[in-house]
Protein backbone atom coordinates (compact mmCIF):
# COMPACT_ATOMS: atom_id res chain seq x y z
CA UNK A 1 -0.05 0.07 0.08
CA UNK A 2 1.50 3.29 -0.96
CA UNK A 3 1.20 6.12 1.35
CA UNK A 4 -0.26 9.35 0.16
CA UNK A 5 2.43 11.94 -0.46
CA UNK A 6 1.35 15.28 1.38
CA UNK A 7 1.08 18.34 -0.98
CA UNK A 8 4.23 20.39 -1.12
CA UNK A 9 3.53 23.73 0.29
CA UNK A 10 3.06 26.62 -2.14
CA UNK A 11 6.49 28.35 -2.84
CA UNK A 12 7.28 31.77 -1.34
CA UNK A 13 6.87 33.53 -4.82
CA UNK A 14 3.49 31.65 -5.39
CA UNK A 15 2.19 32.89 -1.97
CA UNK A 16 3.33 36.30 -2.79
CA UNK A 17 1.63 36.32 -6.07
CA UNK A 18 -1.63 35.09 -4.51
CA UNK A 19 -1.47 37.69 -2.04
CA UNK A 20 -0.72 40.50 -4.37
CA UNK A 21 -3.49 39.45 -6.69
CA UNK A 22 -6.22 39.17 -3.80
CA UNK A 23 -5.00 42.64 -2.65
CA UNK A 24 -5.15 44.23 -6.10
CA UNK A 25 -8.75 42.49 -6.39
CA UNK A 26 -9.88 43.99 -2.93
CA UNK A 27 -8.78 47.53 -3.64
CA UNK A 28 -10.44 47.44 -6.98
CA UNK A 29 -13.48 46.28 -5.71
CA UNK A 30 -13.64 48.64 -2.77
CA UNK A 31 -12.75 51.45 -5.16
CA UNK A 32 -15.60 50.30 -7.48
CA UNK A 33 -18.17 50.05 -4.61
CA UNK A 34 -17.13 53.62 -3.46
CA UNK A 35 -17.55 55.00 -6.95
CA UNK A 36 -20.88 53.40 -7.44
CA UNK A 37 -22.30 54.91 -4.19
CA UNK A 38 -20.64 58.18 -4.86
CA UNK A 39 -21.72 58.35 -8.51
CA UNK A 40 -25.18 57.38 -7.52
CA UNK A 41 -25.72 60.28 -5.08
CA UNK A 42 -24.03 62.65 -7.59
CA UNK A 43 -26.55 61.35 -10.17
CA UNK A 44 -29.47 61.76 -7.85
CA UNK A 45 -28.36 65.42 -7.15
CA UNK A 46 -27.97 66.01 -10.85
CA UNK A 47 -31.26 64.72 -11.41
CA UNK A 48 -32.79 66.93 -8.69
CA UNK A 49 -31.28 70.03 -10.24
CA UNK A 50 -32.18 68.97 -13.70
CA UNK A 51 -36.10 68.30 -12.91
CA UNK A 52 -36.13 71.63 -10.80
CA UNK A 53 -34.97 73.68 -13.60
CA UNK A 54 -37.34 71.87 -15.91
CA UNK A 55 -40.25 72.51 -13.53
CA UNK A 56 -39.48 76.44 -12.87
CA UNK A 57 -39.07 76.73 -16.60
CA UNK A 58 -42.51 75.38 -17.17
CA UNK A 59 -44.11 77.19 -14.24
CA UNK A 60 -42.57 80.57 -15.42
CA UNK A 61 -43.92 80.00 -18.93
CA UNK A 62 -46.63 82.85 -19.73
CA UNK A 63 -48.40 80.21 -22.15
CA UNK A 64 -48.82 77.97 -19.13
CA UNK A 65 -50.47 80.58 -17.18
CA UNK A 66 -52.63 81.49 -19.82
CA UNK A 67 -53.74 77.78 -20.40
CA UNK A 68 -54.45 77.57 -16.75
CA UNK A 69 -56.98 80.27 -16.98
CA UNK A 70 -58.90 78.57 -19.79
CA UNK A 71 -62.01 76.17 -19.20
CA UNK A 72 -60.12 73.18 -20.62
CA UNK A 73 -56.22 73.51 -19.58
CA UNK A 74 -55.51 69.92 -20.41
CA UNK A 75 -56.23 70.52 -24.17
CA UNK A 76 -53.51 73.13 -24.42
CA UNK A 77 -51.18 71.88 -21.62
CA UNK A 78 -50.96 68.01 -22.29
CA UNK A 79 -49.31 68.43 -25.81
CA UNK A 80 -46.95 71.20 -24.42
CA UNK A 81 -45.92 68.92 -21.27
CA UNK A 82 -45.13 65.85 -23.70
CA UNK A 83 -42.96 68.14 -25.94
CA UNK A 84 -41.09 69.47 -22.77
CA UNK A 85 -40.81 65.98 -21.57
CA UNK A 86 -39.25 64.68 -24.77
CA UNK A 87 -37.02 67.75 -25.16
CA UNK A 88 -35.53 67.74 -21.75
CA UNK A 89 -35.23 64.06 -21.31
CA UNK A 90 -37.25 63.83 -18.06
CA UNK A 91 -39.63 60.83 -17.40
CA UNK A 92 -42.76 62.87 -16.84
CA UNK A 93 -44.12 66.41 -16.50
CA UNK A 94 -47.25 66.86 -14.56
CA UNK A 95 -49.25 70.08 -14.46
CA UNK A 96 -52.00 70.25 -11.67
CA UNK A 97 -54.44 72.64 -9.98
CA UNK A 98 -53.70 73.78 -6.47
CA UNK A 99 -55.69 70.91 -5.23
CA UNK A 100 -53.48 68.34 -6.72
CA UNK A 101 -55.73 67.10 -9.60
CA UNK A 102 -53.67 66.52 -12.86
CA UNK A 103 -54.15 68.46 -16.00
CA UNK A 104 -51.32 66.57 -17.66
CA UNK A 105 -49.57 63.04 -17.54
CA UNK A 106 -47.49 60.86 -19.57
CA UNK A 107 -50.26 58.19 -19.11
CA UNK A 108 -53.50 59.90 -20.14
CA UNK A 109 -55.53 57.63 -17.88
CA UNK A 110 -54.03 59.36 -14.89
CA UNK A 111 -55.27 62.86 -16.14
CA UNK A 112 -58.03 64.15 -13.58
CA UNK A 113 -56.76 62.05 -10.92
CA UNK A 114 -54.90 63.09 -7.67
CA UNK A 115 -51.02 63.78 -7.93
CA UNK A 116 -49.19 61.03 -5.73
CA UNK A 117 -46.82 63.10 -3.69
CA UNK A 118 -46.38 65.99 -1.54
CA UNK A 119 -47.61 69.36 -2.58
CA UNK A 120 -47.64 71.40 0.71
CA UNK A 121 -44.45 73.12 0.38
CA UNK A 122 -45.37 74.15 -3.14
CA UNK A 123 -48.73 75.55 -2.04
CA UNK A 124 -46.86 77.75 0.28
CA UNK A 125 -44.88 79.07 -2.45
CA UNK A 126 -41.46 77.06 -2.33
CA UNK A 127 -39.99 74.68 -4.78
CA UNK A 128 -38.65 71.50 -3.42
CA UNK A 129 -37.55 68.04 -4.54
CA UNK A 130 -38.11 64.46 -3.06
CA UNK A 131 -37.84 60.80 -3.95
CA UNK A 132 -41.30 59.36 -4.11
CA UNK A 133 -42.99 56.26 -5.44
CA UNK A 134 -45.96 57.29 -7.86
CA UNK A 135 -47.66 55.71 -10.80
CA UNK A 136 -44.28 55.33 -12.85
CA UNK A 137 -42.29 53.79 -9.76
CA UNK A 138 -39.89 55.55 -7.71
CA UNK A 139 -38.85 58.87 -9.08
CA UNK A 140 -36.79 61.96 -8.07
CA UNK A 141 -39.22 64.69 -8.58
CA UNK A 142 -39.34 68.52 -8.13
CA UNK A 143 -42.80 70.42 -7.37
CA UNK A 144 -42.85 74.18 -7.99
CA UNK A 145 -45.79 76.69 -7.72
CA UNK A 146 -47.21 78.68 -10.72
CA UNK A 147 -47.95 82.14 -9.77
CA UNK A 148 -50.46 84.53 -11.13
CA UNK A 149 -49.56 87.68 -9.32
CA UNK A 150 -49.69 87.01 -5.70
CA UNK A 151 -51.60 83.80 -5.97
CA UNK A 152 -50.63 80.11 -6.69
CA UNK A 153 -52.85 79.15 -9.68
CA UNK A 154 -51.25 75.78 -10.36
CA UNK A 155 -48.39 73.20 -9.63
CA UNK A 156 -45.80 71.81 -11.91
CA UNK A 157 -43.80 68.49 -11.15
CA UNK A 158 -40.99 67.11 -13.18
CA UNK A 159 -39.34 63.61 -12.44
CA UNK A 160 -36.80 61.21 -13.39
CA UNK A 161 -37.40 57.74 -12.57
CA UNK A 162 -34.78 56.15 -10.15
CA UNK A 163 -34.22 53.24 -12.19
CA UNK A 164 -33.16 55.65 -15.10
CA UNK A 165 -30.70 57.16 -12.69
CA UNK A 166 -29.27 53.67 -11.83
CA UNK A 167 -28.84 52.78 -15.45
CA UNK A 168 -26.86 55.67 -15.91
CA UNK A 169 -24.76 54.95 -13.02
CA UNK A 170 -24.64 51.35 -14.08
CA UNK A 171 -22.98 52.46 -17.44
CA UNK A 172 -20.27 54.34 -15.70
CA UNK A 173 -19.61 51.40 -13.21
CA UNK A 174 -19.25 49.12 -16.00
CA UNK A 175 -16.90 51.30 -17.82
CA UNK A 176 -14.86 51.90 -14.69
CA UNK A 177 -15.08 47.98 -13.98
CA UNK A 178 -13.43 47.37 -17.48
CA UNK A 179 -10.65 49.79 -16.57
CA UNK A 180 -10.09 48.07 -13.10
CA UNK A 181 -10.18 44.67 -14.72
CA UNK A 182 -7.55 45.77 -17.23
CA UNK A 183 -5.53 47.36 -14.36
CA UNK A 184 -5.93 43.99 -12.37
CA UNK A 185 -4.83 41.91 -15.43
CA UNK A 186 -1.91 44.39 -16.11
CA UNK A 187 -1.00 44.17 -12.11
CA UNK A 188 -1.36 40.35 -12.35
CA UNK A 189 1.07 40.10 -15.20
CA UNK A 190 3.44 42.52 -13.58
CA UNK A 191 3.26 40.41 -10.30
CA UNK A 192 3.72 37.14 -12.05
CA UNK A 193 6.95 38.47 -13.78
CA UNK A 194 8.25 39.87 -10.48
CA UNK A 195 7.39 36.57 -8.82
CA UNK A 196 8.79 34.62 -11.66
CA UNK A 197 12.15 36.38 -11.16
CA UNK A 198 11.79 35.84 -7.32
CA UNK A 199 11.29 32.18 -7.75
CA UNK A 200 14.47 32.08 -9.95
CA UNK A 201 16.39 33.86 -7.24
CA UNK A 202 14.92 31.68 -4.18
CA UNK A 203 15.20 28.27 -6.53
CA UNK A 204 11.51 27.92 -6.08
CA UNK A 205 11.79 27.42 -2.34
CA UNK A 206 8.93 28.58 0.08
CA UNK A 207 9.28 30.45 3.27
CA UNK A 208 9.50 27.45 5.51
CA UNK A 209 12.39 26.18 3.44
CA UNK A 210 14.25 29.25 3.44
CA UNK A 211 13.77 29.48 7.16
CA UNK A 212 15.19 26.00 7.44
CA UNK A 213 18.01 26.85 5.26
CA UNK A 214 18.87 29.86 7.25
CA UNK A 215 18.91 27.90 10.53
CA UNK A 216 21.24 25.32 9.12
CA UNK A 217 23.40 28.20 7.50
CA UNK A 218 23.80 29.87 11.23
CA UNK A 219 24.45 26.52 12.83
CA UNK A 220 27.09 25.56 10.22
CA UNK A 221 28.81 28.85 10.46
CA UNK A 222 29.19 28.58 14.38
CA UNK A 223 30.03 24.75 14.21
CA UNK A 224 32.81 25.19 11.61
CA UNK A 225 36.14 25.72 13.54
CA UNK A 226 38.02 26.99 10.52
CA UNK A 227 37.53 30.68 9.76
CA UNK A 228 35.06 31.82 7.02
CA UNK A 229 34.86 35.13 5.54
CA UNK A 230 32.72 36.50 2.85
CA UNK A 231 33.31 39.88 1.08
CA UNK A 232 30.90 41.71 -1.12
CA UNK A 233 31.90 43.16 -4.64
CA UNK A 234 33.37 46.20 -2.76
CA UNK A 235 35.61 43.96 -0.42
CA UNK A 236 33.41 44.85 2.45
CA UNK A 237 32.75 42.10 5.18
CA UNK A 238 29.47 40.50 4.51
CA UNK A 239 29.82 37.57 6.91
CA UNK A 240 32.29 36.42 9.34
CA UNK A 241 31.97 33.34 11.54
CA UNK A 242 33.34 32.64 15.24
CA UNK A 243 36.54 30.87 13.81
CA UNK A 244 37.20 33.85 11.66
CA UNK A 245 36.88 36.33 14.24
CA UNK A 246 39.08 34.18 16.56
CA UNK A 247 41.93 33.56 13.84
CA UNK A 248 41.87 37.29 12.68
CA UNK A 249 42.00 38.67 16.17
CA UNK A 250 38.66 40.43 15.85
CA UNK A 251 36.60 40.56 19.08
CA UNK A 252 33.32 39.12 19.34
CA UNK A 253 31.84 42.61 20.40
CA UNK A 254 33.41 44.35 17.40
CA UNK A 255 31.10 45.12 14.57
CA UNK A 256 33.03 44.12 11.30
CA UNK A 257 30.16 43.36 8.99
CA UNK A 258 29.99 46.14 6.50
CA UNK A 259 33.50 47.42 7.02
CA UNK A 260 36.22 47.24 4.39
CA UNK A 261 38.98 44.54 4.83
CA UNK A 262 41.54 47.29 4.67
CA UNK A 263 40.00 48.67 8.01
CA UNK A 264 40.38 45.49 9.85
CA UNK A 265 43.83 46.25 10.93
CA UNK A 266 45.40 43.03 9.45
CA UNK A 267 48.97 42.60 8.51
CA UNK A 268 49.64 44.14 5.05
CA UNK A 269 50.36 40.80 3.12
CA UNK A 270 47.15 39.35 4.49
CA UNK A 271 45.21 42.33 3.48
CA UNK A 272 46.81 42.07 0.31
CA UNK A 273 45.76 38.49 -0.32
CA UNK A 274 42.32 39.37 0.76
CA UNK A 275 41.90 42.20 -1.68
CA UNK A 276 43.35 40.35 -4.58
CA UNK A 277 40.97 39.57 -7.46
CA UNK A 278 42.62 36.35 -8.58
CA UNK A 279 41.99 33.23 -6.30
CA UNK A 280 44.56 32.32 -3.70
CA UNK A 281 45.39 28.62 -3.05
CA UNK A 282 46.98 27.47 0.25
CA UNK A 283 48.96 30.66 0.97
CA UNK A 284 50.63 31.05 4.10
CA UNK A 285 50.28 34.28 6.09
CA UNK A 286 51.14 35.34 9.51
CA UNK A 287 49.06 37.51 12.10
CA UNK A 288 50.49 38.63 15.33
CA UNK A 289 50.42 35.27 17.11
CA UNK A 290 49.10 32.69 14.28
CA UNK A 291 50.24 31.13 11.23
CA UNK A 292 47.20 30.96 8.64
CA UNK A 293 46.79 29.06 5.48
CA UNK A 294 44.49 31.21 3.33
CA UNK A 295 42.33 30.35 0.30
CA UNK A 296 40.15 32.84 -1.52
CA UNK A 297 37.63 32.00 -4.31
CA UNK A 298 35.83 34.74 -6.32
CA UNK A 299 31.94 34.60 -6.32
CA UNK A 300 30.85 35.36 -10.07
CA UNK A 301 27.67 35.14 -11.94
CA UNK A 302 28.45 37.33 -14.97
CA UNK A 303 30.06 39.89 -12.83
CA UNK A 304 32.14 39.88 -9.81
CA UNK A 305 29.82 39.52 -6.62
CA UNK A 306 32.45 39.01 -3.86
CA UNK A 307 34.92 36.54 -2.37
CA UNK A 308 34.67 33.55 -0.28
CA UNK A 309 37.73 33.21 2.13
CA UNK A 310 38.74 30.17 4.28
CA UNK A 311 41.29 30.41 7.12
CA UNK A 312 43.08 27.52 8.70
CA UNK A 313 45.12 27.81 11.56
CA UNK A 314 48.41 25.92 11.13
CA UNK A 315 50.43 27.52 13.94
CA UNK A 316 50.81 24.20 15.99
CA UNK A 317 51.51 22.30 12.69
CA UNK A 318 54.30 24.90 11.73
CA UNK A 319 55.86 24.49 15.02
CA UNK A 320 55.69 20.67 14.64
CA UNK A 321 57.00 20.93 11.14
CA UNK A 322 59.99 22.99 12.51
CA UNK A 323 60.59 20.48 15.06
CA UNK A 324 60.50 17.70 12.57
CA UNK A 325 62.97 19.57 10.28
CA UNK A 326 65.22 19.79 13.37
CA UNK A 327 64.82 16.09 14.01
CA UNK A 328 65.50 15.41 10.23
CA UNK A 329 68.65 17.63 10.75
CA UNK A 330 69.77 15.69 13.86
CA UNK A 331 69.15 12.54 12.01
CA UNK A 332 71.32 13.69 9.07
CA UNK A 333 73.92 14.69 11.32
CA UNK A 334 73.90 11.47 13.27
CA UNK A 335 73.97 9.50 9.94
CA UNK A 336 77.04 11.66 9.12
CA UNK A 337 78.64 11.26 12.30
CA UNK A 338 78.10 7.62 12.23
CA UNK A 339 79.84 7.49 8.76
CA UNK A 340 82.67 9.42 10.37
CA UNK A 341 82.86 7.26 13.41
CA UNK A 342 83.09 4.16 11.19
CA UNK A 343 85.97 5.63 9.28
CA UNK A 344 87.75 6.47 12.79
CA UNK A 345 86.98 2.89 13.96
CA UNK A 346 88.38 1.41 10.87
CA UNK A 347 91.48 3.72 11.42
CA UNK A 348 91.72 2.48 15.06
CA UNK A 349 91.32 -1.12 13.96
CA UNK A 350 93.83 -0.86 11.33
CA UNK A 351 96.52 0.46 13.50
CA UNK A 352 96.01 -2.46 16.06
CA UNK A 353 96.23 -4.74 12.99
CA UNK A 354 99.52 -3.27 12.02
CA UNK A 355 100.90 -3.59 15.78
CA UNK A 356 100.53 0.19 16.49
CA UNK A 357 98.34 -0.27 19.60
CA UNK A 358 99.88 3.02 21.36
CA UNK A 359 99.17 5.15 18.29
CA UNK A 360 95.58 3.59 17.84
CA UNK A 361 94.80 4.38 21.64
CA UNK A 362 96.30 8.02 21.16
CA UNK A 363 94.17 8.52 17.88
CA UNK A 364 91.00 7.26 19.58
CA UNK A 365 91.69 9.32 22.93
CA UNK A 366 92.21 12.67 20.77
CA UNK A 367 88.88 12.08 19.07
CA UNK A 368 86.73 11.37 22.20
CA UNK A 369 88.48 14.51 23.94
CA UNK A 370 87.34 16.61 20.82
CA UNK A 371 83.84 15.34 20.96
CA UNK A 372 83.49 15.80 24.71
CA UNK A 373 85.08 19.27 24.64
CA UNK A 374 82.62 20.44 22.15
CA UNK A 375 79.68 18.99 24.43
CA UNK A 376 81.44 20.50 27.42
CA UNK A 377 81.67 23.91 25.89
CA UNK A 378 77.94 24.05 24.86
CA UNK A 379 76.70 22.60 28.26
CA UNK A 380 78.86 25.00 30.44
CA UNK A 381 77.71 28.00 28.54
CA UNK A 382 74.02 27.04 28.21
CA UNK A 383 72.81 24.89 30.86
CA UNK A 384 69.15 25.03 29.70
CA UNK A 385 68.61 21.66 28.11
CA UNK A 386 66.49 22.47 25.35
CA UNK A 387 68.64 25.21 24.04
CA UNK A 388 71.82 22.98 24.77
CA UNK A 389 70.39 20.28 22.89
CA UNK A 390 69.20 22.68 19.92
CA UNK A 391 72.88 23.98 19.96
CA UNK A 392 74.51 20.59 19.60
CA UNK A 393 72.26 19.55 16.80
CA UNK A 394 72.79 22.75 14.97
CA UNK A 395 76.54 22.52 15.44
CA UNK A 396 76.56 19.04 13.83
CA UNK A 397 74.40 20.36 10.89
CA UNK A 398 76.64 23.28 10.30
CA UNK A 399 79.76 21.26 10.32
CA UNK A 400 78.06 19.15 7.48
CA UNK A 401 77.54 22.12 5.43
CA UNK A 402 80.91 23.52 6.09
CA UNK A 403 80.12 26.20 8.60
CA UNK A 404 81.52 26.47 11.78
CA UNK A 405 79.10 27.08 14.76
CA UNK A 406 80.56 28.28 17.93
CA UNK A 407 78.99 29.47 21.38
CA UNK A 408 80.56 32.94 22.48
CA UNK A 409 82.65 32.93 25.57
CA UNK A 410 80.45 35.48 27.19
CA UNK A 411 77.34 32.94 27.03
CA UNK A 412 75.92 32.08 30.23
CA UNK A 413 72.52 30.70 30.68
CA UNK A 414 71.95 28.25 33.75
CA UNK A 415 69.32 25.58 33.94
CA UNK A 416 66.11 26.57 35.64
CA UNK A 417 66.70 30.20 35.12
CA UNK A 418 63.99 30.68 32.53
CA UNK A 419 60.27 31.12 33.54
CA UNK A 420 57.58 28.66 32.89
CA UNK A 421 55.79 31.35 30.88
CA UNK A 422 58.51 31.36 28.25
CA UNK A 423 57.64 28.13 26.18
CA UNK A 424 60.61 25.92 25.03
CA UNK A 425 58.88 25.77 21.64
CA UNK A 426 59.05 29.49 21.11
CA UNK A 427 62.82 29.37 22.21
CA UNK A 428 63.45 26.66 19.52
CA UNK A 429 61.53 28.56 16.86
CA UNK A 430 63.34 31.71 17.52
CA UNK A 431 66.96 30.39 18.01
CA UNK A 432 66.67 27.44 15.52
CA UNK A 433 65.26 29.87 12.80
CA UNK A 434 68.06 32.35 13.37
CA UNK A 435 70.66 29.75 13.25
CA UNK A 436 69.34 28.35 10.01
CA UNK A 437 69.29 31.79 8.46
CA UNK A 438 72.99 32.46 9.71
CA UNK A 439 74.10 29.18 8.19
CA UNK A 440 72.60 29.82 4.96
CA UNK A 441 74.14 33.26 4.92
CA UNK A 442 77.56 32.19 5.89
CA UNK A 443 77.75 28.93 3.78
CA UNK A 444 80.31 29.21 0.78
CA UNK A 445 82.18 32.18 2.23
CA UNK A 446 85.84 32.18 3.34
CA UNK A 447 86.12 31.13 7.03
CA UNK A 448 82.39 30.28 7.13
CA UNK A 449 81.27 30.86 10.70
CA UNK A 450 78.14 31.45 12.95
CA UNK A 451 78.53 32.74 16.41
CA UNK A 452 75.74 32.34 19.05
CA UNK A 453 75.52 34.44 22.15
CA UNK A 454 72.93 33.47 25.09
CA UNK A 455 72.83 35.17 28.30
CA UNK A 456 70.53 37.03 30.68
CA UNK A 457 70.97 40.60 31.56
CA UNK A 458 69.20 43.23 33.71
CA UNK A 459 67.83 46.44 32.37
CA UNK A 460 66.73 49.63 34.38
CA UNK A 461 63.08 49.82 34.58
CA UNK A 462 61.78 53.10 33.47
CA UNK A 463 58.74 53.03 35.74
CA UNK A 464 60.74 52.52 38.98
CA UNK A 465 64.16 53.71 40.27
CA UNK A 466 67.11 52.60 38.44
CA UNK A 467 69.59 52.62 41.29
CA UNK A 468 67.90 49.62 43.25
CA UNK A 469 67.87 45.94 42.39
CA UNK A 470 63.94 46.23 42.60
CA UNK A 471 64.07 48.90 39.69
CA UNK A 472 65.59 46.55 37.03
CA UNK A 473 64.00 43.71 34.94
CA UNK A 474 65.82 40.62 34.00
CA UNK A 475 65.61 39.65 30.04
CA UNK A 476 67.19 37.00 27.93
CA UNK A 477 69.41 37.98 25.21
CA UNK A 478 69.99 35.64 22.18
CA UNK A 479 72.39 36.98 19.61
CA UNK A 480 73.48 35.22 16.30
CA UNK A 481 76.22 36.57 14.03
CA UNK A 482 77.23 35.26 10.69
CA UNK A 483 80.11 35.74 8.37
CA UNK A 484 77.87 36.26 5.15
CA UNK A 485 77.30 39.32 3.22
CA UNK A 486 75.13 40.99 5.84
CA UNK A 487 71.82 42.72 5.23
CA UNK A 488 71.11 45.72 3.23
CA UNK A 489 70.20 48.48 5.48
CA UNK A 490 67.22 49.39 3.15
CA UNK A 491 65.89 45.71 3.87
CA UNK A 492 66.26 45.88 7.54
CA UNK A 493 62.56 45.74 8.12
CA UNK A 494 61.57 43.59 4.95
CA UNK A 495 63.62 40.65 5.94
CA UNK A 496 61.15 39.85 8.80
CA UNK A 497 58.11 39.85 6.27
CA UNK A 498 56.90 36.58 5.11
CA UNK A 499 58.24 35.87 1.71
CA UNK A 500 61.09 38.13 1.55
CA UNK A 501 64.44 36.36 0.73
CA UNK A 502 67.55 36.80 -1.08
CA UNK A 503 67.93 33.10 -1.73
CA UNK A 504 66.48 31.00 -4.65
CA UNK A 505 63.06 29.64 -3.53
CA UNK A 506 63.21 25.74 -2.86
CA UNK A 507 60.42 23.32 -3.10
CA UNK A 508 58.89 24.50 0.23
CA UNK A 509 59.42 28.12 -0.43
CA UNK A 510 61.49 30.76 1.61
CA UNK A 511 61.05 33.64 3.50
CA UNK A 512 59.10 32.10 6.35
CA UNK A 513 61.61 31.48 9.12
CA UNK A 514 62.39 35.15 10.19
CA UNK A 515 58.70 35.79 10.00
CA UNK A 516 58.01 33.07 12.45
CA UNK A 517 60.76 34.55 14.69
CA UNK A 518 59.46 38.07 14.72
CA UNK A 519 55.80 36.51 15.37
CA UNK A 520 57.19 34.50 18.55
CA UNK A 521 59.17 37.59 19.65
CA UNK A 522 56.14 39.68 19.45
CA UNK A 523 54.06 36.96 21.46
CA UNK A 524 56.53 37.20 24.13
CA UNK A 525 56.77 41.01 23.97
CA UNK A 526 60.35 41.27 23.19
CA UNK A 527 62.30 43.08 20.60
CA UNK A 528 64.07 41.93 17.35
CA UNK A 529 66.91 43.95 15.68
CA UNK A 530 69.33 43.31 12.82
CA UNK A 531 72.55 45.31 12.46
CA UNK A 532 75.86 44.85 10.73
CA UNK A 533 78.90 43.01 12.24
CA UNK A 534 81.95 44.49 13.04
CA UNK A 535 83.68 42.18 10.54
CA UNK A 536 80.98 41.99 8.14
CA UNK A 537 77.79 39.75 8.07
CA UNK A 538 74.60 40.23 10.01
CA UNK A 539 74.05 40.16 13.53
CA UNK A 540 70.31 39.36 14.78
CA UNK A 541 69.55 40.14 18.24
CA UNK A 542 66.62 39.04 20.46
CA UNK A 543 65.79 40.43 23.86
CA UNK A 544 62.77 38.75 25.63
CA UNK A 545 61.59 40.02 29.01
CA UNK A 546 61.88 37.47 32.09
CA UNK A 547 60.48 39.59 34.86
CA UNK A 548 61.81 41.59 37.64
CA UNK A 549 65.50 40.61 38.59
CA UNK A 550 66.29 39.02 41.77
CA UNK A 551 69.62 40.53 42.37
CA UNK A 552 72.62 42.28 40.69
CA UNK A 553 72.75 41.94 36.86
CA UNK A 554 74.01 38.72 35.73
CA UNK A 555 75.74 40.34 32.57
CA UNK A 556 76.26 43.87 31.95
CA UNK A 557 76.61 43.30 27.92
CA UNK A 558 78.66 41.29 25.71
CA UNK A 559 81.41 42.50 23.46
CA UNK A 560 81.04 42.66 19.73
CA UNK A 561 80.37 39.43 18.05
CA UNK A 562 82.97 39.96 15.54
CA UNK A 563 86.34 40.63 17.02
CA UNK A 564 85.20 40.60 20.55
CA UNK A 565 84.33 36.92 20.94
């Protein structure tokens, strides 16, 4: 058994069409009724004025007064009354004596009979009109006196049947109804055309379907964790979800809908990507504290209507990728070291086989002392385990690329000195990218070298007294210098922007490391500067606040990286 399918609700366009058609019909019907009543009243007034004028004209006629004075008034007045009736278009003209006995009437059988109607006001000398039902039916009639000197010698009544008046009004209403019907038809056609266009825009959906779609739309926007931004044709924000507000750093209380993208105070590269007319695919952009992957897609339907922007937060992923790159570098360094260790072990074995055991022991001891010396130097200078491990790994990587990485003698960073609010991940991001950038710059130069300096220092607190220990703040200083070609002073600020590089772009692109460094430094409310070294190359210095110092300054400053180390 097949269940009956409930009828589909009428579409929103159909409902609007029906409502407008009914509205137009009601307006036209109301106007027709008003016009009918108004015209009927006007027609009755006009008929009253017409019959009054006819009656007075007859009463003022000298021939009528003369005929009244004869012995047989009907003989002379009946033809006259019929002639006037035909000429003026009234339905009857009755001339009677002061007692109301008719001398004339359209129906000759009524002559000599009493007039049906009121004659009192006319006997008193006053003309009047009334609607009365007589021998010819209901009529609008006028009664006026015929004067002979100061005496009323007769009465004249002229009238028009109400039925005739209604027929005249009916003709006007019929004409008006035809015009109204034409207007209704024209309005219906116009309404249908408009609603057909509306149906195309709403895809034939009715009001409940549009309401449900809106509810799903709102729920989806709030459920999606990724950022979603919709711009109109003038690049104004038309819609933004909760994820978009969070990723762009726009407060939930701030009204951004209707504002231009250029007014959102976003980084210039990100603003440029949002304002671009061509689509962007998986572009990486940095905000104050996030790394975002941006995709844009223009919305077009014959003309540019706007842009849909999706934002994906890859801050954690980028950090993990940095750590993975470091691990990959460590792995390569270990593989290389294993290869070198194998060579050294073969050398020791060969010396033993040749019977030169003393020389084998001396060679092996020298190699162990060299490796231990490097480890002791790094650990003694930087006791913080994360940074120490990073420096050891980067040293091996740099050696593989023909660059000497050294830790400056003035470096001093004890274990447990850094506060918990300074995450190790940010330190790895800052120092790791600075070292990688320095190794890239120094590679291939004569005496390729990278010098790393790390220590804590106290700086005077401008808000307190600088002469007391309580008036100073501790800060972590990280300085990386290289023997490369240096940084053009004109590019001192550009080097920290995403995408800027003086190296050829690799498969994964370049120009992101220093941008990540600046982002991490900004997140920790520190400072990042670049300057020229005393012996050439570039010097990048990072200062991160650690809080108030507990005692005298640990380091009053370091010597120049070049020549002072």
